[in-house]
């Protein structure tokens, strides 16, 4: 099949692609076999290593579920705060007033340039020095603070880019009918921009879920990934099994989030989509006749 962007392959190209595919397949099988043999030689595939996750509930109730609960709490709090905060700063960067636009831009660029891990560490020091937050709750507060400051700044840029991507005529048409700036933003621009921004926003929410693991690695926050070390030690160094189960849970969480976002995006697009019906000349004449008849009271004969 030939098109503007693609030429049909000739016999030599087809043979070459078949050879490349076969070589890649053999290499992939060899790598998988090497990984399998290495794990098997070290006893990581023995049933005793995987038994705690499939033959009882102790590993789940003691390690995995409490860690998952803390991960969900930190991620949910960060999302609930970062989303509206990012929207506010994103809209503020589009303000016509310099005293609003410039400080908002400075805040966004500052926190967007700092690694989220540094923000978490600063959060721990801040809560330890200037607040009465207990040492048990301090890691959670620090993780949420770091995630909110960083991701709100990134979401602000997403919101700003989504609004700027809309055709300029949308704003001009709204101004022509006398809408104020606030009405234009809330009634015209944001509802249209949300659908376009949704994939990027969801990607950032997935980042929030994954970045909660930084709190467990550095701040002793007892999240899902942090449960691997004590769990592996208790069940006889089943590190591979523990990491695999935790990885599957993270994949399931993020897949659920992206699936819901895809469903929501499709629903938003369908709700704003027209009927798509095409009117013929006769239909237009009937509509015009009905309008004239209704306006002057002469009926269809008019």
C-alpha atoms as a PDB file:
ATOM      1  CA  UNK A   1       0.000   0.000   0.000  1.00  0.00           C
ATOM      2  CA  UNK A   2       1.406   3.375  -1.044  1.00  0.00           C
ATOM      3  CA  UNK A   3       0.455   6.761   0.376  1.00  0.00           C
ATOM      4  CA  UNK A   4       1.950  10.235   0.656  1.00  0.00           C
ATOM      5  CA  UNK A   5       3.788   9.300   3.846  1.00  0.00           C
ATOM      6  CA  UNK A   6       4.543   5.638   3.150  1.00  0.00           C
ATOM      7  CA  UNK A   7       5.928   3.721   0.180  1.00  0.00           C
ATOM      8  CA  UNK A   8       5.168   0.057  -0.267  1.00  0.00           C
ATOM      9  CA  UNK A   9       8.118  -2.177   0.558  1.00  0.00           C
ATOM     10  CA  UNK A  10       9.890  -4.029  -2.172  1.00  0.00           C
ATOM     11  CA  UNK A  11      11.039  -7.667  -1.991  1.00  0.00           C
ATOM     12  CA  UNK A  12      14.471  -6.782  -0.563  1.00  0.00           C
ATOM     13  CA  UNK A  13      13.007  -4.503   2.112  1.00  0.00           C
ATOM     14  CA  UNK A  14      10.522  -7.193   3.145  1.00  0.00           C
ATOM     15  CA  UNK A  15      13.293  -9.797   3.469  1.00  0.00           C
ATOM     16  CA  UNK A  16      15.441  -7.360   5.431  1.00  0.00           C
ATOM     17  CA  UNK A  17      12.606  -6.555   7.855  1.00  0.00           C
ATOM     18  CA  UNK A  18      11.922 -10.248   8.365  1.00  0.00           C
ATOM     19  CA  UNK A  19      15.589 -10.806   9.225  1.00  0.00           C
ATOM     20  CA  UNK A  20      15.585  -7.845  11.638  1.00  0.00           C
ATOM     21  CA  UNK A  21      12.416  -9.117  13.316  1.00  0.00           C
ATOM     22  CA  UNK A  22      13.852 -12.611  13.694  1.00  0.00           C
ATOM     23  CA  UNK A  23      17.118 -11.291  15.173  1.00  0.00           C
ATOM     24  CA  UNK A  24      15.243  -9.071  17.623  1.00  0.00           C
ATOM     25  CA  UNK A  25      12.964 -11.948  18.658  1.00  0.00           C
ATOM     26  CA  UNK A  26      15.926 -14.264  19.269  1.00  0.00           C
ATOM     27  CA  UNK A  27      17.699 -11.549  21.307  1.00  0.00           C
ATOM     28  CA  UNK A  28      14.569 -10.883  23.370  1.00  0.00           C
ATOM     29  CA  UNK A  29      14.090 -14.601  24.085  1.00  0.00           C
ATOM     30  CA  UNK A  30      17.766 -14.890  25.070  1.00  0.00           C
ATOM     31  CA  UNK A  31      17.470 -11.964  27.512  1.00  0.00           C
ATOM     32  CA  UNK A  32      14.295 -13.371  29.058  1.00  0.00           C
ATOM     33  CA  UNK A  33      15.930 -16.787  29.411  1.00  0.00           C
ATOM     34  CA  UNK A  34      19.032 -15.263  31.002  1.00  0.00           C
ATOM     35  CA  UNK A  35      16.922 -13.327  33.514  1.00  0.00           C
ATOM     36  CA  UNK A  36      14.883 -16.435  34.301  1.00  0.00           C
ATOM     37  CA  UNK A  37      17.985 -18.604  34.828  1.00  0.00           C
ATOM     38  CA  UNK A  38      19.644 -15.964  37.015  1.00  0.00           C
ATOM     39  CA  UNK A  39      16.601 -15.648  39.256  1.00  0.00           C
ATOM     40  CA  UNK A  40      16.114 -19.406  39.386  1.00  0.00           C
ATOM     41  CA  UNK A  41      19.747 -20.030  40.326  1.00  0.00           C
ATOM     42  CA  UNK A  42      19.419 -17.607  43.237  1.00  0.00           C
ATOM     43  CA  UNK A  43      16.176 -19.205  44.395  1.00  0.00           C
ATOM     44  CA  UNK A  44      14.045 -16.097  43.775  1.00  0.00           C
ATOM     45  CA  UNK A  45      11.444 -18.098  41.856  1.00  0.00           C
ATOM     46  CA  UNK A  46      10.899 -20.706  44.566  1.00  0.00           C
ATOM     47  CA  UNK A  47       7.353 -21.031  45.820  1.00  0.00           C
ATOM     48  CA  UNK A  48       8.470 -20.204  49.359  1.00  0.00           C
ATOM     49  CA  UNK A  49       9.404 -16.702  48.191  1.00  0.00           C
ATOM     50  CA  UNK A  50       5.973 -16.059  46.642  1.00  0.00           C
ATOM     51  CA  UNK A  51       3.831 -18.026  49.089  1.00  0.00           C
ATOM     52  CA  UNK A  52       3.220 -15.134  51.555  1.00  0.00           C
ATOM     53  CA  UNK A  53       1.346 -13.176  48.841  1.00  0.00           C
ATOM     54  CA  UNK A  54      -0.869 -16.027  47.612  1.00  0.00           C
ATOM     55  CA  UNK A  55      -1.292 -18.442  50.520  1.00  0.00           C
ATOM     56  CA  UNK A  56      -2.193 -16.066  53.333  1.00  0.00           C
ATOM     57  CA  UNK A  57      -3.205 -12.524  54.257  1.00  0.00           C
ATOM     58  CA  UNK A  58      -0.492 -11.660  56.773  1.00  0.00           C
ATOM     59  CA  UNK A  59       1.781  -9.970  54.229  1.00  0.00           C
ATOM     60  CA  UNK A  60      -1.135  -7.911  52.900  1.00  0.00           C
ATOM     61  CA  UNK A  61      -2.592  -6.788  56.211  1.00  0.00           C
ATOM     62  CA  UNK A  62       0.749  -6.163  57.902  1.00  0.00           C
ATOM     63  CA  UNK A  63       2.818  -4.543  55.164  1.00  0.00           C
ATOM     64  CA  UNK A  64       1.155  -3.957  51.782  1.00  0.00           C
ATOM     65  CA  UNK A  65      -2.282  -2.566  52.658  1.00  0.00           C
ATOM     66  CA  UNK A  66      -1.030  -0.093  55.319  1.00  0.00           C
ATOM     67  CA  UNK A  67       1.610   1.134  52.866  1.00  0.00           C
ATOM     68  CA  UNK A  68      -0.983   1.399  50.095  1.00  0.00           C
ATOM     69  CA  UNK A  69      -3.265   3.366  52.416  1.00  0.00           C
ATOM     70  CA  UNK A  70      -0.524   5.904  53.159  1.00  0.00           C
ATOM     71  CA  UNK A  71       0.321   6.189  49.461  1.00  0.00           C
ATOM     72  CA  UNK A  72      -3.303   6.878  48.569  1.00  0.00           C
ATOM     73  CA  UNK A  73      -3.681   9.415  51.386  1.00  0.00           C
ATOM     74  CA  UNK A  74      -0.566  11.355  50.350  1.00  0.00           C
ATOM     75  CA  UNK A  75      -1.478  11.230  46.653  1.00  0.00           C
ATOM     76  CA  UNK A  76      -5.112  12.219  47.221  1.00  0.00           C
ATOM     77  CA  UNK A  77      -4.219  15.176  49.455  1.00  0.00           C
ATOM     78  CA  UNK A  78      -1.597  16.343  46.970  1.00  0.00           C
ATOM     79  CA  UNK A  79      -4.032  16.119  44.046  1.00  0.00           C
ATOM     80  CA  UNK A  80      -6.835  17.919  45.894  1.00  0.00           C
ATOM     81  CA  UNK A  81      -4.530  20.829  46.770  1.00  0.00           C
ATOM     82  CA  UNK A  82      -2.329  20.958  43.665  1.00  0.00           C
ATOM     83  CA  UNK A  83      -5.140  20.943  41.062  1.00  0.00           C
ATOM     84  CA  UNK A  84      -6.975  24.116  42.182  1.00  0.00           C
ATOM     85  CA  UNK A  85      -3.724  25.808  43.177  1.00  0.00           C
ATOM     86  CA  UNK A  86      -2.219  25.099  39.761  1.00  0.00           C
ATOM     87  CA  UNK A  87      -5.363  26.410  38.049  1.00  0.00           C
ATOM     88  CA  UNK A  88      -5.213  29.628  40.049  1.00  0.00           C
ATOM     89  CA  UNK A  89      -1.553  30.263  39.245  1.00  0.00           C
ATOM     90  CA  UNK A  90      -2.035  29.281  35.603  1.00  0.00           C
ATOM     91  CA  UNK A  91      -4.868  31.793  35.200  1.00  0.00           C
ATOM     92  CA  UNK A  92      -2.905  34.399  37.175  1.00  0.00           C
ATOM     93  CA  UNK A  93      -0.046  34.133  34.674  1.00  0.00           C
ATOM     94  CA  UNK A  94      -2.486  35.204  31.960  1.00  0.00           C
ATOM     95  CA  UNK A  95      -3.648  38.283  33.863  1.00  0.00           C
ATOM     96  CA  UNK A  96      -3.485  41.692  32.197  1.00  0.00           C
ATOM     97  CA  UNK A  97      -2.218  43.163  35.468  1.00  0.00           C
ATOM     98  CA  UNK A  98       1.565  42.983  35.886  1.00  0.00           C
ATOM     99  CA  UNK A  99       1.300  42.961  39.681  1.00  0.00           C
ATOM    100  CA  UNK A 100      -0.583  39.644  39.397  1.00  0.00           C
ATOM    101  CA  UNK A 101       1.158  38.121  36.372  1.00  0.00           C
ATOM    102  CA  UNK A 102       4.787  38.692  37.399  1.00  0.00           C
ATOM    103  CA  UNK A 103       4.643  37.324  41.000  1.00  0.00           C
ATOM    104  CA  UNK A 104       2.669  34.296  39.775  1.00  0.00           C
ATOM    105  CA  UNK A 105       5.288  33.655  37.097  1.00  0.00           C
ATOM    106  CA  UNK A 106       8.128  33.930  39.619  1.00  0.00           C
ATOM    107  CA  UNK A 107       6.474  31.456  41.991  1.00  0.00           C
ATOM    108  CA  UNK A 108       5.726  28.955  39.215  1.00  0.00           C
ATOM    109  CA  UNK A 109       9.182  29.083  37.667  1.00  0.00           C
ATOM    110  CA  UNK A 110      10.892  28.877  41.067  1.00  0.00           C
ATOM    111  CA  UNK A 111       9.135  25.762  42.330  1.00  0.00           C
ATOM    112  CA  UNK A 112       9.118  24.133  38.897  1.00  0.00           C
ATOM    113  CA  UNK A 113      12.920  24.353  38.807  1.00  0.00           C
ATOM    114  CA  UNK A 114      13.516  22.655  42.190  1.00  0.00           C
ATOM    115  CA  UNK A 115      13.553  18.835  42.426  1.00  0.00           C
ATOM    116  CA  UNK A 116      10.588  17.530  44.379  1.00  0.00           C
ATOM    117  CA  UNK A 117      12.871  15.578  46.717  1.00  0.00           C
ATOM    118  CA  UNK A 118      14.575  18.794  47.863  1.00  0.00           C
ATOM    119  CA  UNK A 119      11.168  20.336  48.506  1.00  0.00           C
ATOM    120  CA  UNK A 120      10.255  17.349  50.679  1.00  0.00           C
ATOM    121  CA  UNK A 121      13.481  17.647  52.677  1.00  0.00           C
ATOM    122  CA  UNK A 122      12.891  21.368  53.173  1.00  0.00           C
ATOM    123  CA  UNK A 123       9.360  20.510  54.270  1.00  0.00           C
ATOM    124  CA  UNK A 124      10.636  18.202  57.005  1.00  0.00           C
ATOM    125  CA  UNK A 125      13.000  20.886  58.290  1.00  0.00           C
ATOM    126  CA  UNK A 126      10.260  23.514  58.107  1.00  0.00           C
ATOM    127  CA  UNK A 127       7.720  21.499  60.076  1.00  0.00           C
ATOM    128  CA  UNK A 128      10.334  20.436  62.614  1.00  0.00           C
ATOM    129  CA  UNK A 129      11.579  23.979  63.222  1.00  0.00           C
ATOM    130  CA  UNK A 130       8.504  26.178  63.030  1.00  0.00           C
ATOM    131  CA  UNK A 131       5.464  23.975  63.763  1.00  0.00           C
ATOM    132  CA  UNK A 132       4.175  21.631  66.428  1.00  0.00           C
ATOM    133  CA  UNK A 133       3.545  18.746  64.015  1.00  0.00           C
ATOM    134  CA  UNK A 134       4.491  15.459  65.677  1.00  0.00           C
ATOM    135  CA  UNK A 135       7.424  13.449  64.401  1.00  0.00           C
ATOM    136  CA  UNK A 136       5.039  10.668  63.335  1.00  0.00           C
ATOM    137  CA  UNK A 137       2.981  12.962  61.088  1.00  0.00           C
ATOM    138  CA  UNK A 138       5.901  15.064  59.858  1.00  0.00           C
ATOM    139  CA  UNK A 139       6.870  12.790  56.923  1.00  0.00           C
ATOM    140  CA  UNK A 140       3.304  12.869  55.550  1.00  0.00           C
ATOM    141  CA  UNK A 141       3.148  16.662  55.806  1.00  0.00           C
ATOM    142  CA  UNK A 142       6.541  17.001  54.131  1.00  0.00           C
ATOM    143  CA  UNK A 143       5.656  14.626  51.271  1.00  0.00           C
ATOM    144  CA  UNK A 144       2.366  16.427  50.584  1.00  0.00           C
ATOM    145  CA  UNK A 145       4.059  19.838  50.770  1.00  0.00           C
ATOM    146  CA  UNK A 146       6.767  18.874  48.306  1.00  0.00           C
ATOM    147  CA  UNK A 147       4.322  17.245  45.895  1.00  0.00           C
ATOM    148  CA  UNK A 148       1.932  20.200  46.036  1.00  0.00           C
ATOM    149  CA  UNK A 149       4.559  22.884  45.470  1.00  0.00           C
ATOM    150  CA  UNK A 150       6.180  21.103  42.538  1.00  0.00           C
ATOM    151  CA  UNK A 151       3.124  19.680  40.804  1.00  0.00           C
ATOM    152  CA  UNK A 152       1.013  22.812  41.266  1.00  0.00           C
ATOM    153  CA  UNK A 153       3.673  24.767  39.371  1.00  0.00           C
ATOM    154  CA  UNK A 154       3.704  22.175  36.572  1.00  0.00           C
ATOM    155  CA  UNK A 155      -0.101  22.097  36.443  1.00  0.00           C
ATOM    156  CA  UNK A 156      -0.112  25.892  36.251  1.00  0.00           C
ATOM    157  CA  UNK A 157       1.906  25.711  33.044  1.00  0.00           C
ATOM    158  CA  UNK A 158      -0.438  23.044  31.683  1.00  0.00           C
ATOM    159  CA  UNK A 159      -3.453  25.250  32.387  1.00  0.00           C
ATOM    160  CA  UNK A 160      -1.785  28.299  30.856  1.00  0.00           C
ATOM    161  CA  UNK A 161      -0.761  26.376  27.723  1.00  0.00           C
ATOM    162  CA  UNK A 162      -4.224  24.835  27.379  1.00  0.00           C
ATOM    163  CA  UNK A 163      -5.924  28.231  27.486  1.00  0.00           C
ATOM    164  CA  UNK A 164      -3.444  29.830  25.093  1.00  0.00           C
ATOM    165  CA  UNK A 165      -3.962  26.962  22.638  1.00  0.00           C
ATOM    166  CA  UNK A 166      -7.587  27.968  22.102  1.00  0.00           C
ATOM    167  CA  UNK A 167      -8.353  30.066  19.014  1.00  0.00           C
ATOM    168  CA  UNK A 168      -8.185  33.791  19.698  1.00  0.00           C
ATOM    169  CA  UNK A 169     -11.609  34.171  18.141  1.00  0.00           C
ATOM    170  CA  UNK A 170     -13.179  32.543  21.195  1.00  0.00           C
ATOM    171  CA  UNK A 171     -12.117  35.459  23.367  1.00  0.00           C
ATOM    172  CA  UNK A 172     -12.955  38.055  20.742  1.00  0.00           C
ATOM    173  CA  UNK A 173     -16.455  36.652  20.230  1.00  0.00           C
ATOM    174  CA  UNK A 174     -17.080  36.640  23.986  1.00  0.00           C
ATOM    175  CA  UNK A 175     -15.876  40.249  24.236  1.00  0.00           C
ATOM    176  CA  UNK A 176     -18.144  41.205  21.329  1.00  0.00           C
ATOM    177  CA  UNK A 177     -21.258  40.107  23.217  1.00  0.00           C
ATOM    178  CA  UNK A 178     -20.190  42.034  26.314  1.00  0.00           C
ATOM    179  CA  UNK A 179     -18.843  39.334  28.644  1.00  0.00           C
ATOM    180  CA  UNK A 180     -16.443  40.384  31.371  1.00  0.00           C
ATOM    181  CA  UNK A 181     -12.968  38.848  31.762  1.00  0.00           C
ATOM    182  CA  UNK A 182     -14.054  36.570  34.583  1.00  0.00           C
ATOM    183  CA  UNK A 183     -17.066  35.376  32.601  1.00  0.00           C
ATOM    184  CA  UNK A 184     -14.915  34.739  29.530  1.00  0.00           C
ATOM    185  CA  UNK A 185     -12.465  32.655  31.540  1.00  0.00           C
ATOM    186  CA  UNK A 186     -15.009  30.619  33.518  1.00  0.00           C
ATOM    187  CA  UNK A 187     -17.726  30.214  30.884  1.00  0.00           C
ATOM    188  CA  UNK A 188     -15.840  30.156  27.571  1.00  0.00           C
ATOM    189  CA  UNK A 189     -12.146  29.357  27.870  1.00  0.00           C
ATOM    190  CA  UNK A 190     -11.800  26.950  30.806  1.00  0.00           C
ATOM    191  CA  UNK A 191     -14.617  24.548  29.785  1.00  0.00           C
ATOM    192  CA  UNK A 192     -13.036  24.142  26.348  1.00  0.00           C
ATOM    193  CA  UNK A 193      -9.463  23.969  27.617  1.00  0.00           C
ATOM    194  CA  UNK A 194     -10.183  21.272  30.224  1.00  0.00           C
ATOM    195  CA  UNK A 195     -10.826  18.622  27.579  1.00  0.00           C
ATOM    196  CA  UNK A 196      -7.584  19.434  25.762  1.00  0.00           C
ATOM    197  CA  UNK A 197      -5.601  19.599  29.015  1.00  0.00           C
ATOM    198  CA  UNK A 198      -6.962  16.383  30.501  1.00  0.00           C
ATOM    199  CA  UNK A 199      -4.291  13.962  29.132  1.00  0.00           C
ATOM    200  CA  UNK A 200      -1.464  16.178  30.392  1.00  0.00           C
ATOM    201  CA  UNK A 201      -3.168  16.669  33.751  1.00  0.00           C
ATOM    202  CA  UNK A 202      -3.631  12.911  34.181  1.00  0.00           C
ATOM    203  CA  UNK A 203       0.019  12.328  33.339  1.00  0.00           C
ATOM    204  CA  UNK A 204       0.958  14.716  36.121  1.00  0.00           C
ATOM    205  CA  UNK A 205      -1.403  12.981  38.545  1.00  0.00           C
ATOM    206  CA  UNK A 206       0.334   9.689  37.740  1.00  0.00           C
ATOM    207  CA  UNK A 207       3.632  11.410  38.580  1.00  0.00           C
ATOM    208  CA  UNK A 208       2.167  12.401  41.953  1.00  0.00           C
ATOM    209  CA  UNK A 209       1.278   8.785  42.753  1.00  0.00           C
ATOM    210  CA  UNK A 210       4.754   7.569  41.830  1.00  0.00           C
ATOM    211  CA  UNK A 211       6.610  10.389  43.605  1.00  0.00           C
ATOM    212  CA  UNK A 212       5.114   9.428  46.947  1.00  0.00           C
ATOM    213  CA  UNK A 213       7.795   6.711  46.924  1.00  0.00           C
ATOM    214  CA  UNK A 214      10.442   9.412  47.412  1.00  0.00           C
ATOM    215  CA  UNK A 215       9.061  10.023  50.881  1.00  0.00           C
ATOM    216  CA  UNK A 216       9.575   6.388  51.795  1.00  0.00           C
ATOM    217  CA  UNK A 217      13.093   6.278  50.404  1.00  0.00           C
ATOM    218  CA  UNK A 218      14.365   9.410  52.165  1.00  0.00           C
ATOM    219  CA  UNK A 219      11.896  10.615  54.804  1.00  0.00           C
ATOM    220  CA  UNK A 220      10.903   7.258  56.343  1.00  0.00           C
ATOM    221  CA  UNK A 221       7.343   7.812  55.191  1.00  0.00           C
ATOM    222  CA  UNK A 222       5.646   4.372  55.463  1.00  0.00           C
ATOM    223  CA  UNK A 223       4.206   4.273  51.935  1.00  0.00           C
ATOM    224  CA  UNK A 224       3.799   1.290  49.613  1.00  0.00           C
ATOM    225  CA  UNK A 225       7.353   1.015  48.304  1.00  0.00           C
ATOM    226  CA  UNK A 226       8.800   1.427  51.795  1.00  0.00           C
ATOM    227  CA  UNK A 227       7.008  -1.774  52.831  1.00  0.00           C
ATOM    228  CA  UNK A 228       9.306  -3.859  50.603  1.00  0.00           C
ATOM    229  CA  UNK A 229      12.353  -3.726  52.891  1.00  0.00           C
ATOM    230  CA  UNK A 230      10.746  -4.981  56.152  1.00  0.00           C
ATOM    231  CA  UNK A 231       8.569  -7.417  54.218  1.00  0.00           C
ATOM    232  CA  UNK A 232      11.548  -8.903  52.393  1.00  0.00           C
ATOM    233  CA  UNK A 233      13.523  -9.229  55.608  1.00  0.00           C
ATOM    234  CA  UNK A 234      10.680 -10.930  57.439  1.00  0.00           C
ATOM    235  CA  UNK A 235       9.942 -13.485  54.699  1.00  0.00           C
ATOM    236  CA  UNK A 236      13.498 -14.563  53.961  1.00  0.00           C
ATOM    237  CA  UNK A 237      14.920 -12.113  51.453  1.00  0.00           C
ATOM    238  CA  UNK A 238      12.146 -12.453  48.860  1.00  0.00           C
ATOM    239  CA  UNK A 239      13.160  -9.113  47.355  1.00  0.00           C
ATOM    240  CA  UNK A 240      12.178  -9.886  43.764  1.00  0.00           C
ATOM    241  CA  UNK A 241       8.753 -11.173  44.781  1.00  0.00           C
ATOM    242  CA  UNK A 242       8.104  -8.160  47.027  1.00  0.00           C
ATOM    243  CA  UNK A 243       9.155  -5.632  44.384  1.00  0.00           C
ATOM    244  CA  UNK A 244       7.076  -7.445  41.761  1.00  0.00           C
ATOM    245  CA  UNK A 245       3.894  -7.351  43.844  1.00  0.00           C
ATOM    246  CA  UNK A 246       4.404  -3.672  44.681  1.00  0.00           C
ATOM    247  CA  UNK A 247       5.112  -2.849  41.034  1.00  0.00           C
ATOM    248  CA  UNK A 248       1.915  -4.590  39.930  1.00  0.00           C
ATOM    249  CA  UNK A 249      -0.069  -2.570  42.478  1.00  0.00           C
ATOM    250  CA  UNK A 250       1.450   0.696  41.192  1.00  0.00           C
ATOM    251  CA  UNK A 251       0.632  -0.318  37.615  1.00  0.00           C
ATOM    252  CA  UNK A 252      -2.954  -1.127  38.603  1.00  0.00           C
ATOM    253  CA  UNK A 253      -3.349   2.222  40.390  1.00  0.00           C
ATOM    254  CA  UNK A 254      -2.019   4.284  37.506  1.00  0.00           C
ATOM    255  CA  UNK A 255      -3.888   2.233  34.907  1.00  0.00           C
ATOM    256  CA  UNK A 256      -7.137   2.805  36.791  1.00  0.00           C
ATOM    257  CA  UNK A 257      -6.422   6.530  36.924  1.00  0.00           C
ATOM    258  CA  UNK A 258      -5.649   6.807  33.213  1.00  0.00           C
ATOM    259  CA  UNK A 259      -8.648   4.649  32.274  1.00  0.00           C
ATOM    260  CA  UNK A 260     -10.990   6.857  34.268  1.00  0.00           C
ATOM    261  CA  UNK A 261      -9.456   9.958  32.684  1.00  0.00           C
ATOM    262  CA  UNK A 262      -9.919   8.513  29.188  1.00  0.00           C
ATOM    263  CA  UNK A 263     -13.561   7.760  29.956  1.00  0.00           C
ATOM    264  CA  UNK A 264     -14.060  11.262  31.361  1.00  0.00           C
ATOM    265  CA  UNK A 265     -12.392  12.882  28.358  1.00  0.00           C
ATOM    266  CA  UNK A 266     -14.600  10.948  25.949  1.00  0.00           C
ATOM    267  CA  UNK A 267     -17.694  11.895  27.922  1.00  0.00           C
ATOM    268  CA  UNK A 268     -16.732  15.574  27.907  1.00  0.00           C
ATOM    269  CA  UNK A 269     -16.113  15.494  24.166  1.00  0.00           C
ATOM    270  CA  UNK A 270     -19.439  13.773  23.481  1.00  0.00           C
ATOM    271  CA  UNK A 271     -21.327  16.237  25.662  1.00  0.00           C
ATOM    272  CA  UNK A 272     -19.972  19.155  23.618  1.00  0.00           C
ATOM    273  CA  UNK A 273     -20.376  17.496  20.240  1.00  0.00           C
ATOM    274  CA  UNK A 274     -23.156  18.607  17.928  1.00  0.00           C
ATOM    275  CA  UNK A 275     -25.576  16.303  16.190  1.00  0.00           C
ATOM    276  CA  UNK A 276     -23.516  16.391  13.012  1.00  0.00           C
ATOM    277  CA  UNK A 277     -26.675  16.598  10.863  1.00  0.00           C
ATOM    278  CA  UNK A 278     -26.267  18.240   7.468  1.00  0.00           C
ATOM    279  CA  UNK A 279     -29.165  20.370   6.271  1.00  0.00           C
ATOM    280  CA  UNK A 280     -30.079  20.454   2.623  1.00  0.00           C
ATOM    281  CA  UNK A 281     -31.389  23.423   0.703  1.00  0.00           C
ATOM    282  CA  UNK A 282     -34.998  22.278   1.171  1.00  0.00           C
ATOM    283  CA  UNK A 283     -34.534  22.001   4.924  1.00  0.00           C
ATOM    284  CA  UNK A 284     -33.124  25.508   5.095  1.00  0.00           C
ATOM    285  CA  UNK A 285     -36.070  26.876   3.085  1.00  0.00           C
ATOM    286  CA  UNK A 286     -38.509  25.133   5.433  1.00  0.00           C
ATOM    287  CA  UNK A 287     -36.784  26.585   8.465  1.00  0.00           C
ATOM    288  CA  UNK A 288     -36.805  30.075   6.965  1.00  0.00           C
ATOM    289  CA  UNK A 289     -40.489  29.739   6.051  1.00  0.00           C
ATOM    290  CA  UNK A 290     -41.362  28.568   9.535  1.00  0.00           C
ATOM    291  CA  UNK A 291     -39.414  31.434  11.056  1.00  0.00           C
ATOM    292  CA  UNK A 292     -41.168  34.001   8.862  1.00  0.00           C
ATOM    293  CA  UNK A 293     -44.551  32.453   9.556  1.00  0.00           C
ATOM    294  CA  UNK A 294     -43.902  32.390  13.252  1.00  0.00           C
ATOM    295  CA  UNK A 295     -42.704  35.974  13.253  1.00  0.00           C
ATOM    296  CA  UNK A 296     -45.587  37.505  11.280  1.00  0.00           C
ATOM    297  CA  UNK A 297     -48.359  35.077  12.157  1.00  0.00           C
ATOM    298  CA  UNK A 298     -49.089  34.178   8.540  1.00  0.00           C
ATOM    299  CA  UNK A 299     -48.508  30.446   9.014  1.00  0.00           C
ATOM    300  CA  UNK A 300     -46.865  28.060   6.570  1.00  0.00           C
ATOM    301  CA  UNK A 301     -48.612  29.652   3.573  1.00  0.00           C
ATOM    302  CA  UNK A 302     -46.511  32.753   4.071  1.00  0.00           C
END
